[in-house]
Amino acid sequence: MPSMNPEHGQPRRKISSLIVSLILLFSSVQLFSSSGQAEIPHENYDLIRSDLDAVIALLNSSIRASERAFMDMYNMSMDAVDQDLRLVEGVIEPASKLLDKIINLAESYRNLSELLPPFVALSGEEQDFASMEREFLGIRARLLEYADQGMLTSEEHLAALGYVARGRALIASMNSTIDEMLVYANEINALTVEESYPFLPNDMIPLIEKLRELLIWLSIEFEEIIHRIHWNETLPFLILWIKNPELYLGETIIGGGYLFFNGSFRSGRNVEIRIDGDIRINTTTNDGGRYSFSFEIPIDAAWLGLHRI
């Protein structure tokens, strides 16, 4: 793969678990029911100028560390990612304390508190992405071992099925996390202080978008690894994965899987997805025996409670 050089209604209520029950694998989905910009004042600037300048400097240092983290995520350098994200987290507390001091000195600057939330949110998404990437890379390494060793034992066969399902779910979840990171990066870029944009320019958005390229590459490679594994020809299986185990009414269940029997992954085969025994989704496997689906959860009290897929 290429290498990169360093340079978000209604109130929400918890509803249930979708217990996914298909051949050999089980997944669960938790359902729930679901429920600016800071306008920075212009007076008293001299009173808090040095502290405000320090806050802006700290938050800009967070941006620089985030940019390095995105590059290291792209290059799958997870130890470096950990160092980058520690730096990102390290500026949040001192910046928060300085903002509190500013607001205490000049109450009219209370809207400065709006500066911090998108940075905190972005940091959280970065941590989530890094955690998922690290887990995925571990799964990838294990499946590569299986692909190189020949026929799997029964225990390895079952483990490999679980790894495939989890790996696919992680790719989908990382893609959604990229969407969230873009939201917060755009919020940061739009922040203003005294009619200026103190956090521009930066490279966060293009670097976050580069992570989509990484996911495309990883997804293609993951598919190749799956088909290199010497699956037990006498054990047919249907793999099911679901992207997110926690959902809300009105949100969409996204998932997919693989169909294998008679010694190969089967294409052009119909797969029925049932919820509580009722057929809710019909889909067809592609040339690699892979299928995908989505289902929007109705905003309906009847969906409160336990459901089985």
C-alpha atoms as a PDB file:
ATOM      1  CA  MET A   1       0.000   0.000   0.000  1.00  0.00           C
ATOM      2  CA  PRO A   2       1.147   3.626  -0.406  1.00  0.00           C
ATOM      3  CA  SER A   3       3.042   5.350   2.360  1.00  0.00           C
ATOM      4  CA  MET A   4       2.544   8.924   3.465  1.00  0.00           C
ATOM      5  CA  ASN A   5       5.343  11.304   4.281  1.00  0.00           C
ATOM      6  CA  PRO A   6       5.111  13.269   7.569  1.00  0.00           C
ATOM      7  CA  GLU A   7       4.167  16.753   6.571  1.00  0.00           C
ATOM      8  CA  HIS A   8     -24.101  15.467  14.131  1.00  0.00           C
ATOM      9  CA  GLY A   9     -35.163  15.280  17.274  1.00  0.00           C
ATOM     10  CA  GLN A  10     -36.448  13.244  19.515  1.00  0.00           C
ATOM     11  CA  PRO A  11     -35.455  12.139  23.037  1.00  0.00           C
ATOM     12  CA  ARG A  12     -33.462   8.945  22.988  1.00  0.00           C
ATOM     13  CA  ARG A  13     -34.619   5.883  24.977  1.00  0.00           C
ATOM     14  CA  LYS A  14     -32.840   2.580  25.334  1.00  0.00           C
ATOM     15  CA  ILE A  15     -34.831  -0.227  23.759  1.00  0.00           C
ATOM     16  CA  SER A  16     -33.286  -3.630  23.351  1.00  0.00           C
ATOM     17  CA  SER A  17     -30.764  -6.156  22.143  1.00  0.00           C
ATOM     18  CA  LEU A  18     -30.967  -7.639  18.692  1.00  0.00           C
ATOM     19  CA  ILE A  19     -29.596 -11.081  19.280  1.00  0.00           C
ATOM     20  CA  VAL A  20     -28.139 -12.244  16.003  1.00  0.00           C
ATOM     21  CA  SER A  21     -28.365 -15.979  15.656  1.00  0.00           C
ATOM     22  CA  LEU A  22     -26.988 -17.498  12.471  1.00  0.00           C
ATOM     23  CA  ILE A  23     -24.932 -20.559  11.634  1.00  0.00           C
ATOM     24  CA  LEU A  24     -21.844 -20.826  13.812  1.00  0.00           C
ATOM     25  CA  LEU A  25     -21.750 -17.142  14.754  1.00  0.00           C
ATOM     26  CA  PHE A  26     -23.700 -14.905  17.088  1.00  0.00           C
ATOM     27  CA  SER A  27     -23.780 -11.109  17.187  1.00  0.00           C
ATOM     28  CA  SER A  28     -25.857  -8.695  19.245  1.00  0.00           C
ATOM     29  CA  VAL A  29     -27.316  -5.279  18.580  1.00  0.00           C
ATOM     30  CA  GLN A  30     -28.485  -2.926  21.304  1.00  0.00           C
ATOM     31  CA  LEU A  31     -31.339  -0.657  20.180  1.00  0.00           C
ATOM     32  CA  PHE A  32     -32.236   2.676  21.659  1.00  0.00           C
ATOM     33  CA  SER A  33     -34.856   5.298  21.029  1.00  0.00           C
ATOM     34  CA  SER A  34     -33.389   8.703  20.113  1.00  0.00           C
ATOM     35  CA  SER A  35     -34.228  11.937  21.032  1.00  0.00           C
ATOM     36  CA  GLY A  36     -22.209  26.390  16.884  1.00  0.00           C
ATOM     37  CA  GLN A  37     -20.522  28.000  16.828  1.00  0.00           C
ATOM     38  CA  ALA A  38     -19.330  30.143  19.677  1.00  0.00           C
ATOM     39  CA  GLU A  39     -20.175  33.779  19.173  1.00  0.00           C
ATOM     40  CA  ILE A  40     -17.115  35.344  20.693  1.00  0.00           C
ATOM     41  CA  PRO A  41     -17.734  38.762  22.282  1.00  0.00           C
ATOM     42  CA  HIS A  42     -15.328  41.552  21.512  1.00  0.00           C
ATOM     43  CA  GLU A  43     -14.981  43.511  24.769  1.00  0.00           C
ATOM     44  CA  ASN A  44     -12.353  43.087  27.517  1.00  0.00           C
ATOM     45  CA  TYR A  45      -9.929  41.454  25.125  1.00  0.00           C
ATOM     46  CA  ASP A  46      -6.860  43.090  26.673  1.00  0.00           C
ATOM     47  CA  LEU A  47      -7.823  41.715  30.099  1.00  0.00           C
ATOM     48  CA  ILE A  48      -7.500  38.120  28.988  1.00  0.00           C
ATOM     49  CA  ARG A  49      -5.329  38.434  25.881  1.00  0.00           C
ATOM     50  CA  SER A  50      -2.302  36.445  27.050  1.00  0.00           C
ATOM     51  CA  ASP A  51      -4.394  33.580  28.406  1.00  0.00           C
ATOM     52  CA  LEU A  52      -6.501  33.460  25.259  1.00  0.00           C
ATOM     53  CA  ASP A  53      -3.381  33.432  23.119  1.00  0.00           C
ATOM     54  CA  ALA A  54      -2.105  30.527  25.220  1.00  0.00           C
ATOM     55  CA  VAL A  55      -5.369  28.612  24.736  1.00  0.00           C
ATOM     56  CA  ILE A  56      -5.199  29.097  20.992  1.00  0.00           C
ATOM     57  CA  ALA A  57      -1.568  27.989  20.965  1.00  0.00           C
ATOM     58  CA  LEU A  58      -2.417  24.874  22.974  1.00  0.00           C
ATOM     59  CA  LEU A  59      -5.312  23.959  20.709  1.00  0.00           C
ATOM     60  CA  ASN A  60      -3.197  24.515  17.622  1.00  0.00           C
ATOM     61  CA  SER A  61      -0.602  22.167  19.093  1.00  0.00           C
ATOM     62  CA  SER A  62      -3.425  19.647  19.462  1.00  0.00           C
ATOM     63  CA  ILE A  63      -4.180  20.054  15.765  1.00  0.00           C
ATOM     64  CA  ARG A  64      -0.548  19.434  14.845  1.00  0.00           C
ATOM     65  CA  ALA A  65      -0.520  16.261  16.971  1.00  0.00           C
ATOM     66  CA  SER A  66      -3.794  15.131  15.386  1.00  0.00           C
ATOM     67  CA  GLU A  67      -2.319  15.626  11.937  1.00  0.00           C
ATOM     68  CA  ARG A  68       0.643  13.438  12.873  1.00  0.00           C
ATOM     69  CA  ALA A  69      -1.748  10.858  14.336  1.00  0.00           C
ATOM     70  CA  PHE A  70      -3.718  10.679  11.084  1.00  0.00           C
ATOM     71  CA  MET A  71      -0.523  10.148   9.110  1.00  0.00           C
ATOM     72  CA  ASP A  72       0.653   7.451  11.497  1.00  0.00           C
ATOM     73  CA  MET A  73      -2.782   5.775  11.362  1.00  0.00           C
ATOM     74  CA  TYR A  74      -2.486   5.741   7.579  1.00  0.00           C
ATOM     75  CA  ASN A  75       0.954   4.179   7.834  1.00  0.00           C
ATOM     76  CA  MET A  76      -0.314   1.714  10.482  1.00  0.00           C
ATOM     77  CA  SER A  77       2.404   2.859  12.910  1.00  0.00           C
ATOM     78  CA  MET A  78       0.412   2.259  16.064  1.00  0.00           C
ATOM     79  CA  ASP A  79       3.162   3.004  18.603  1.00  0.00           C
ATOM     80  CA  ALA A  80       3.605   6.424  17.004  1.00  0.00           C
ATOM     81  CA  VAL A  81      -0.181   6.899  16.992  1.00  0.00           C
ATOM     82  CA  ASP A  82      -0.228   6.303  20.747  1.00  0.00           C
ATOM     83  CA  GLN A  83       2.394   9.007  21.282  1.00  0.00           C
ATOM     84  CA  ASP A  84       0.522  11.437  19.045  1.00  0.00           C
ATOM     85  CA  LEU A  85      -2.779  10.884  20.844  1.00  0.00           C
ATOM     86  CA  ARG A  86      -1.168  11.351  24.252  1.00  0.00           C
ATOM     87  CA  LEU A  87      -0.065  14.775  23.052  1.00  0.00           C
ATOM     88  CA  VAL A  88      -3.582  15.525  21.794  1.00  0.00           C
ATOM     89  CA  GLU A  89      -5.094  14.586  25.149  1.00  0.00           C
ATOM     90  CA  GLY A  90      -2.349  16.393  27.035  1.00  0.00           C
ATOM     91  CA  VAL A  91      -3.439  19.874  25.949  1.00  0.00           C
ATOM     92  CA  ILE A  92      -7.151  19.500  26.773  1.00  0.00           C
ATOM     93  CA  GLU A  93      -6.870  19.928  30.558  1.00  0.00           C
ATOM     94  CA  PRO A  94      -4.566  22.986  30.576  1.00  0.00           C
ATOM     95  CA  ALA A  95      -6.627  24.607  27.808  1.00  0.00           C
ATOM     96  CA  SER A  96      -9.795  23.948  29.815  1.00  0.00           C
ATOM     97  CA  LYS A  97      -8.287  25.485  32.962  1.00  0.00           C
ATOM     98  CA  LEU A  98      -7.194  28.592  31.083  1.00  0.00           C
ATOM     99  CA  LEU A  99     -10.645  28.962  29.537  1.00  0.00           C
ATOM    100  CA  ASP A 100     -12.213  28.757  33.001  1.00  0.00           C
ATOM    101  CA  LYS A 101      -9.814  31.449  34.192  1.00  0.00           C
ATOM    102  CA  ILE A 102     -10.690  33.681  31.232  1.00  0.00           C
ATOM    103  CA  ILE A 103     -14.425  33.307  31.832  1.00  0.00           C
ATOM    104  CA  ASN A 104     -13.977  34.112  35.533  1.00  0.00           C
ATOM    105  CA  LEU A 105     -12.005  37.255  34.670  1.00  0.00           C
ATOM    106  CA  ALA A 106     -14.318  38.415  31.895  1.00  0.00           C
ATOM    107  CA  GLU A 107     -17.796  36.897  32.124  1.00  0.00           C
ATOM    108  CA  SER A 108     -18.689  38.288  28.716  1.00  0.00           C
ATOM    109  CA  TYR A 109     -16.254  35.717  27.325  1.00  0.00           C
ATOM    110  CA  ARG A 110     -18.283  32.768  28.619  1.00  0.00           C
ATOM    111  CA  ASN A 111     -18.963  31.738  25.003  1.00  0.00           C
ATOM    112  CA  LEU A 112     -15.286  30.888  24.704  1.00  0.00           C
ATOM    113  CA  SER A 113     -16.273  27.608  26.342  1.00  0.00           C
ATOM    114  CA  GLU A 114     -17.509  26.648  22.854  1.00  0.00           C
ATOM    115  CA  LEU A 115     -13.920  26.407  21.681  1.00  0.00           C
ATOM    116  CA  LEU A 116     -13.163  23.211  23.541  1.00  0.00           C
ATOM    117  CA  PRO A 117     -15.997  20.688  22.775  1.00  0.00           C
ATOM    118  CA  PRO A 118     -15.052  19.909  19.153  1.00  0.00           C
ATOM    119  CA  PHE A 119     -11.450  19.290  20.199  1.00  0.00           C
ATOM    120  CA  VAL A 120     -12.584  16.951  22.986  1.00  0.00           C
ATOM    121  CA  ALA A 121     -14.955  15.157  20.607  1.00  0.00           C
ATOM    122  CA  LEU A 122     -12.320  14.799  17.899  1.00  0.00           C
ATOM    123  CA  SER A 123      -9.840  13.416  20.408  1.00  0.00           C
ATOM    124  CA  GLY A 124     -12.385  10.788  21.452  1.00  0.00           C
ATOM    125  CA  GLU A 125     -13.009   9.745  17.849  1.00  0.00           C
ATOM    126  CA  GLU A 126      -9.280   9.522  17.223  1.00  0.00           C
ATOM    127  CA  GLN A 127      -8.897   7.233  20.224  1.00  0.00           C
ATOM    128  CA  ASP A 128     -11.774   5.077  18.956  1.00  0.00           C
ATOM    129  CA  PHE A 129     -10.304   4.824  15.475  1.00  0.00           C
ATOM    130  CA  ALA A 130      -6.869   3.927  16.793  1.00  0.00           C
ATOM    131  CA  SER A 131      -8.322   1.243  19.066  1.00  0.00           C
ATOM    132  CA  MET A 132     -10.297  -0.286  16.187  1.00  0.00           C
ATOM    133  CA  GLU A 133      -7.344  -0.105  13.833  1.00  0.00           C
ATOM    134  CA  ARG A 134      -5.110  -1.848  16.342  1.00  0.00           C
ATOM    135  CA  GLU A 135      -7.688  -4.617  16.850  1.00  0.00           C
ATOM    136  CA  PHE A 136      -8.160  -4.998  13.107  1.00  0.00           C
ATOM    137  CA  LEU A 137      -4.441  -5.290  12.467  1.00  0.00           C
ATOM    138  CA  GLY A 138      -4.264  -8.048  15.083  1.00  0.00           C
ATOM    139  CA  ILE A 139      -7.108  -9.922  13.366  1.00  0.00           C
ATOM    140  CA  ARG A 140      -5.440  -9.425  10.003  1.00  0.00           C
ATOM    141  CA  ALA A 141      -2.196 -10.888  11.304  1.00  0.00           C
ATOM    142  CA  ARG A 142      -3.975 -13.934  12.757  1.00  0.00           C
ATOM    143  CA  LEU A 143      -5.872 -14.627   9.533  1.00  0.00           C
ATOM    144  CA  LEU A 144      -2.638 -14.327   7.573  1.00  0.00           C
ATOM    145  CA  GLU A 145      -1.192 -17.048   9.796  1.00  0.00           C
ATOM    146  CA  TYR A 146      -4.218 -19.245   9.106  1.00  0.00           C
ATOM    147  CA  ALA A 147      -3.880 -18.604   5.368  1.00  0.00           C
ATOM    148  CA  ASP A 148      -0.254 -19.753   5.427  1.00  0.00           C
ATOM    149  CA  GLN A 149      -0.590 -22.876   7.560  1.00  0.00           C
ATOM    150  CA  GLY A 150      -2.794 -25.178   5.461  1.00  0.00           C
ATOM    151  CA  MET A 151      -5.923 -26.941   6.671  1.00  0.00           C
ATOM    152  CA  LEU A 152      -7.411 -25.537   9.867  1.00  0.00           C
ATOM    153  CA  THR A 153      -8.363 -27.542  12.909  1.00  0.00           C
ATOM    154  CA  SER A 154     -12.006 -27.383  14.013  1.00  0.00           C
ATOM    155  CA  GLU A 155     -11.084 -24.892  16.715  1.00  0.00           C
ATOM    156  CA  GLU A 156      -9.102 -22.728  14.317  1.00  0.00           C
ATOM    157  CA  HIS A 157     -11.957 -22.904  11.798  1.00  0.00           C
ATOM    158  CA  LEU A 158     -14.420 -21.503  14.327  1.00  0.00           C
ATOM    159  CA  ALA A 159     -11.928 -18.882  15.472  1.00  0.00           C
ATOM    160  CA  ALA A 160     -11.293 -17.794  11.891  1.00  0.00           C
ATOM    161  CA  LEU A 161     -15.029 -17.351  11.293  1.00  0.00           C
ATOM    162  CA  GLY A 162     -15.196 -15.074  14.302  1.00  0.00           C
ATOM    163  CA  TYR A 163     -12.178 -13.095  13.127  1.00  0.00           C
ATOM    164  CA  VAL A 164     -13.709 -12.605   9.676  1.00  0.00           C
ATOM    165  CA  ALA A 165     -16.976 -11.319  11.137  1.00  0.00           C
ATOM    166  CA  ARG A 166     -15.235  -9.009  13.586  1.00  0.00           C
ATOM    167  CA  GLY A 167     -12.790  -7.714  10.996  1.00  0.00           C
ATOM    168  CA  ARG A 168     -15.557  -6.764   8.586  1.00  0.00           C
ATOM    169  CA  ALA A 169     -17.505  -5.028  11.372  1.00  0.00           C
ATOM    170  CA  LEU A 170     -14.394  -3.071  12.337  1.00  0.00           C
ATOM    171  CA  ILE A 171     -13.853  -1.817   8.791  1.00  0.00           C
ATOM    172  CA  ALA A 172     -17.445  -0.547   8.666  1.00  0.00           C
ATOM    173  CA  SER A 173     -17.125   1.067  12.098  1.00  0.00           C
ATOM    174  CA  MET A 174     -13.844   2.757  11.231  1.00  0.00           C
ATOM    175  CA  ASN A 175     -15.482   4.209   8.124  1.00  0.00           C
ATOM    176  CA  SER A 176     -18.255   5.704  10.277  1.00  0.00           C
ATOM    177  CA  THR A 177     -15.658   7.084  12.678  1.00  0.00           C
ATOM    178  CA  ILE A 178     -14.005   8.859   9.764  1.00  0.00           C
ATOM    179  CA  ASP A 179     -17.362  10.557   9.103  1.00  0.00           C
ATOM    180  CA  GLU A 180     -17.494  11.731  12.720  1.00  0.00           C
ATOM    181  CA  MET A 181     -13.916  12.986  12.694  1.00  0.00           C
ATOM    182  CA  LEU A 182     -14.698  15.047   9.597  1.00  0.00           C
ATOM    183  CA  VAL A 183     -17.677  16.630  11.376  1.00  0.00           C
ATOM    184  CA  TYR A 184     -15.542  17.758  14.314  1.00  0.00           C
ATOM    185  CA  ALA A 185     -12.625  18.847  12.134  1.00  0.00           C
ATOM    186  CA  ASN A 186     -15.008  21.069  10.172  1.00  0.00           C
ATOM    187  CA  GLU A 187     -16.387  22.493  13.436  1.00  0.00           C
ATOM    188  CA  ILE A 188     -12.855  23.318  14.552  1.00  0.00           C
ATOM    189  CA  ASN A 189     -12.079  24.994  11.241  1.00  0.00           C
ATOM    190  CA  ALA A 190     -15.210  27.169  11.563  1.00  0.00           C
ATOM    191  CA  LEU A 191     -14.414  28.439  15.080  1.00  0.00           C
ATOM    192  CA  THR A 192     -13.771  32.171  15.295  1.00  0.00           C
ATOM    193  CA  VAL A 193     -12.151  34.441  17.850  1.00  0.00           C
ATOM    194  CA  GLU A 194     -12.380  38.198  17.339  1.00  0.00           C
ATOM    195  CA  GLU A 195     -13.564  37.643  13.742  1.00  0.00           C
ATOM    196  CA  SER A 196     -10.531  35.538  12.877  1.00  0.00           C
ATOM    197  CA  TYR A 197     -10.142  31.800  12.316  1.00  0.00           C
ATOM    198  CA  PRO A 198      -7.275  30.909  14.659  1.00  0.00           C
ATOM    199  CA  PHE A 199      -7.186  27.212  13.754  1.00  0.00           C
ATOM    200  CA  LEU A 200      -6.721  27.651  10.019  1.00  0.00           C
ATOM    201  CA  PRO A 201      -4.946  26.631   7.960  1.00  0.00           C
ATOM    202  CA  ASN A 202      -4.515  22.965   8.832  1.00  0.00           C
ATOM    203  CA  ASP A 203      -4.390  19.631   7.024  1.00  0.00           C
ATOM    204  CA  MET A 204      -6.800  17.659   9.202  1.00  0.00           C
ATOM    205  CA  ILE A 205      -9.564  17.153   6.635  1.00  0.00           C
ATOM    206  CA  PRO A 206      -7.391  15.868   3.765  1.00  0.00           C
ATOM    207  CA  LEU A 207      -5.477  13.640   6.180  1.00  0.00           C
ATOM    208  CA  ILE A 208      -8.711  12.194   7.604  1.00  0.00           C
ATOM    209  CA  GLU A 209      -9.923  11.566   4.052  1.00  0.00           C
ATOM    210  CA  LYS A 210      -6.690   9.667   3.377  1.00  0.00           C
ATOM    211  CA  LEU A 211      -7.818   7.173   5.997  1.00  0.00           C
ATOM    212  CA  ARG A 212     -10.624   6.154   3.621  1.00  0.00           C
ATOM    213  CA  GLU A 213      -7.951   5.114   1.147  1.00  0.00           C
ATOM    214  CA  LEU A 214      -6.424   2.989   3.888  1.00  0.00           C
ATOM    215  CA  LEU A 215      -9.777   1.309   4.570  1.00  0.00           C
ATOM    216  CA  ILE A 216     -10.324   0.570   0.883  1.00  0.00           C
ATOM    217  CA  TRP A 217      -6.901  -1.031   0.672  1.00  0.00           C
ATOM    218  CA  LEU A 218      -7.405  -3.005   3.894  1.00  0.00           C
ATOM    219  CA  SER A 219     -10.834  -4.182   2.734  1.00  0.00           C
ATOM    220  CA  ILE A 220      -9.466  -5.493  -0.563  1.00  0.00           C
ATOM    221  CA  GLU A 221      -6.579  -7.221   1.165  1.00  0.00           C
ATOM    222  CA  PHE A 222      -8.905  -8.678   3.826  1.00  0.00           C
ATOM    223  CA  GLU A 223     -11.022 -10.220   1.063  1.00  0.00           C
ATOM    224  CA  GLU A 224      -7.952 -11.778  -0.488  1.00  0.00           C
ATOM    225  CA  ILE A 225      -6.823 -13.238   2.837  1.00  0.00           C
ATOM    226  CA  ILE A 226     -10.256 -14.781   3.468  1.00  0.00           C
ATOM    227  CA  HIS A 227     -10.121 -16.579   0.135  1.00  0.00           C
ATOM    228  CA  ARG A 228      -6.584 -17.835   0.752  1.00  0.00           C
ATOM    229  CA  ILE A 229      -7.583 -19.694   3.919  1.00  0.00           C
ATOM    230  CA  HIS A 230      -7.979 -23.461   3.522  1.00  0.00           C
ATOM    231  CA  TRP A 231     -11.521 -23.718   4.859  1.00  0.00           C
ATOM    232  CA  ASN A 232     -12.795 -27.166   5.830  1.00  0.00           C
ATOM    233  CA  GLU A 233     -14.752 -28.237   2.748  1.00  0.00           C
ATOM    234  CA  THR A 234     -17.075 -30.432   4.806  1.00  0.00           C
ATOM    235  CA  LEU A 235     -18.205 -27.565   7.043  1.00  0.00           C
ATOM    236  CA  PRO A 236     -20.601 -25.144   5.322  1.00  0.00           C
ATOM    237  CA  PHE A 237     -21.037 -21.842   7.074  1.00  0.00           C
ATOM    238  CA  LEU A 238     -22.855 -18.545   6.907  1.00  0.00           C
ATOM    239  CA  ILE A 239     -21.028 -15.651   8.521  1.00  0.00           C
ATOM    240  CA  LEU A 240     -22.966 -12.642   9.753  1.00  0.00           C
ATOM    241  CA  TRP A 241     -21.519  -9.388  11.016  1.00  0.00           C
ATOM    242  CA  ILE A 242     -23.193  -6.176  12.165  1.00  0.00           C
ATOM    243  CA  LYS A 243     -21.364  -2.864  12.228  1.00  0.00           C
ATOM    244  CA  ASN A 244     -22.706  -1.387  15.431  1.00  0.00           C
ATOM    245  CA  PRO A 245     -24.104  -3.284  18.440  1.00  0.00           C
ATOM    246  CA  GLU A 246     -25.759  -0.126  19.807  1.00  0.00           C
ATOM    247  CA  LEU A 247     -28.459   1.537  17.736  1.00  0.00           C
ATOM    248  CA  TYR A 248     -31.458   3.851  18.078  1.00  0.00           C
ATOM    249  CA  LEU A 249     -34.970   3.887  16.665  1.00  0.00           C
ATOM    250  CA  GLY A 250     -34.787   5.436  13.218  1.00  0.00           C
ATOM    251  CA  GLU A 251     -31.158   4.413  12.745  1.00  0.00           C
ATOM    252  CA  THR A 252     -29.971   1.774  10.303  1.00  0.00           C
ATOM    253  CA  ILE A 253     -28.654  -1.717  10.955  1.00  0.00           C
ATOM    254  CA  ILE A 254     -25.712  -2.243   8.610  1.00  0.00           C
ATOM    255  CA  GLY A 255     -24.188  -5.657   8.164  1.00  0.00           C
ATOM    256  CA  GLY A 256     -23.127  -8.435   5.856  1.00  0.00           C
ATOM    257  CA  GLY A 257     -21.317 -11.732   5.719  1.00  0.00           C
ATOM    258  CA  TYR A 258     -20.180 -14.696   3.653  1.00  0.00           C
ATOM    259  CA  LEU A 259     -21.772 -17.928   2.417  1.00  0.00           C
ATOM    260  CA  PHE A 260     -19.579 -21.022   2.047  1.00  0.00           C
ATOM    261  CA  PHE A 261     -20.623 -24.576   1.167  1.00  0.00           C
ATOM    262  CA  ASN A 262     -19.587 -27.464  -1.092  1.00  0.00           C
ATOM    263  CA  GLY A 263     -16.006 -26.351  -0.690  1.00  0.00           C
ATOM    264  CA  SER A 264     -16.264 -22.769  -1.916  1.00  0.00           C
ATOM    265  CA  PHE A 265     -17.750 -19.343  -1.358  1.00  0.00           C
ATOM    266  CA  ARG A 266     -21.012 -19.297  -3.302  1.00  0.00           C
ATOM    267  CA  SER A 267     -22.130 -16.458  -5.533  1.00  0.00           C
ATOM    268  CA  GLY A 268     -25.633 -15.579  -6.728  1.00  0.00           C
ATOM    269  CA  ARG A 269     -27.297 -17.160  -3.699  1.00  0.00           C
ATOM    270  CA  ASN A 270     -30.239 -15.575  -1.916  1.00  0.00           C
ATOM    271  CA  VAL A 271     -29.775 -14.783   1.759  1.00  0.00           C
ATOM    272  CA  GLU A 272     -32.779 -14.003   3.954  1.00  0.00           C
ATOM    273  CA  ILE A 273     -32.330 -11.889   7.056  1.00  0.00           C
ATOM    274  CA  ARG A 274     -35.077 -12.535   9.590  1.00  0.00           C
ATOM    275  CA  ILE A 275     -35.916 -10.436  12.611  1.00  0.00           C
ATOM    276  CA  ASP A 276     -38.110 -12.181  15.180  1.00  0.00           C
ATOM    277  CA  GLY A 277     -38.835 -14.849  12.571  1.00  0.00           C
ATOM    278  CA  ASP A 278     -40.076 -12.417   9.915  1.00  0.00           C
ATOM    279  CA  ILE A 279     -38.144 -11.934   6.690  1.00  0.00           C
ATOM    280  CA  ARG A 280     -37.043  -8.303   6.714  1.00  0.00           C
ATOM    281  CA  ILE A 281     -34.227  -8.322   4.168  1.00  0.00           C
ATOM    282  CA  ASN A 282     -33.420 -10.278   1.021  1.00  0.00           C
ATOM    283  CA  THR A 283     -29.952  -9.990  -0.431  1.00  0.00           C
ATOM    284  CA  THR A 284     -27.713 -11.925  -2.833  1.00  0.00           C
ATOM    285  CA  THR A 285     -24.116 -13.054  -2.530  1.00  0.00           C
ATOM    286  CA  ASN A 286     -21.554 -11.646  -4.950  1.00  0.00           C
ATOM    287  CA  ASP A 287     -18.760 -13.440  -6.798  1.00  0.00           C
ATOM    288  CA  GLY A 288     -16.792 -13.874  -3.593  1.00  0.00           C
ATOM    289  CA  GLY A 289     -19.728 -15.282  -1.637  1.00  0.00           C
ATOM    290  CA  ARG A 290     -20.104 -11.999   0.175  1.00  0.00           C
ATOM    291  CA  TYR A 291     -23.409 -10.248   0.926  1.00  0.00           C
ATOM    292  CA  SER A 292     -24.368  -6.978   2.571  1.00  0.00           C
ATOM    293  CA  PHE A 293     -27.568  -5.440   3.900  1.00  0.00           C
ATOM    294  CA  SER A 294     -29.089  -2.488   5.695  1.00  0.00           C
ATOM    295  CA  PHE A 295     -32.360  -2.096   7.585  1.00  0.00           C
ATOM    296  CA  GLU A 296     -33.824   1.097   9.027  1.00  0.00           C
ATOM    297  CA  ILE A 297     -35.265   0.518  12.480  1.00  0.00           C
ATOM    298  CA  PRO A 298     -38.836   1.850  12.565  1.00  0.00           C
ATOM    299  CA  ILE A 299     -39.628   4.667  14.966  1.00  0.00           C
ATOM    300  CA  ASP A 300     -42.269   2.557  16.615  1.00  0.00           C
ATOM    301  CA  ALA A 301     -42.820   1.548  20.242  1.00  0.00           C
ATOM    302  CA  ALA A 302     -43.356  -2.026  19.026  1.00  0.00           C
ATOM    303  CA  TRP A 303     -39.603  -2.188  18.510  1.00  0.00           C
ATOM    304  CA  LEU A 304     -38.919  -1.590  22.179  1.00  0.00           C
ATOM    305  CA  GLY A 305     -37.689  -4.747  23.821  1.00  0.00           C
ATOM    306  CA  LEU A 306     -35.770  -7.860  22.808  1.00  0.00           C
ATOM    307  CA  HIS A 307     -35.430  -8.894  19.163  1.00  0.00           C
ATOM    308  CA  ARG A 308     -33.722 -11.800  17.448  1.00  0.00           C
ATOM    309  CA  ILE A 309     -31.998 -11.749  14.063  1.00  0.00           C
END
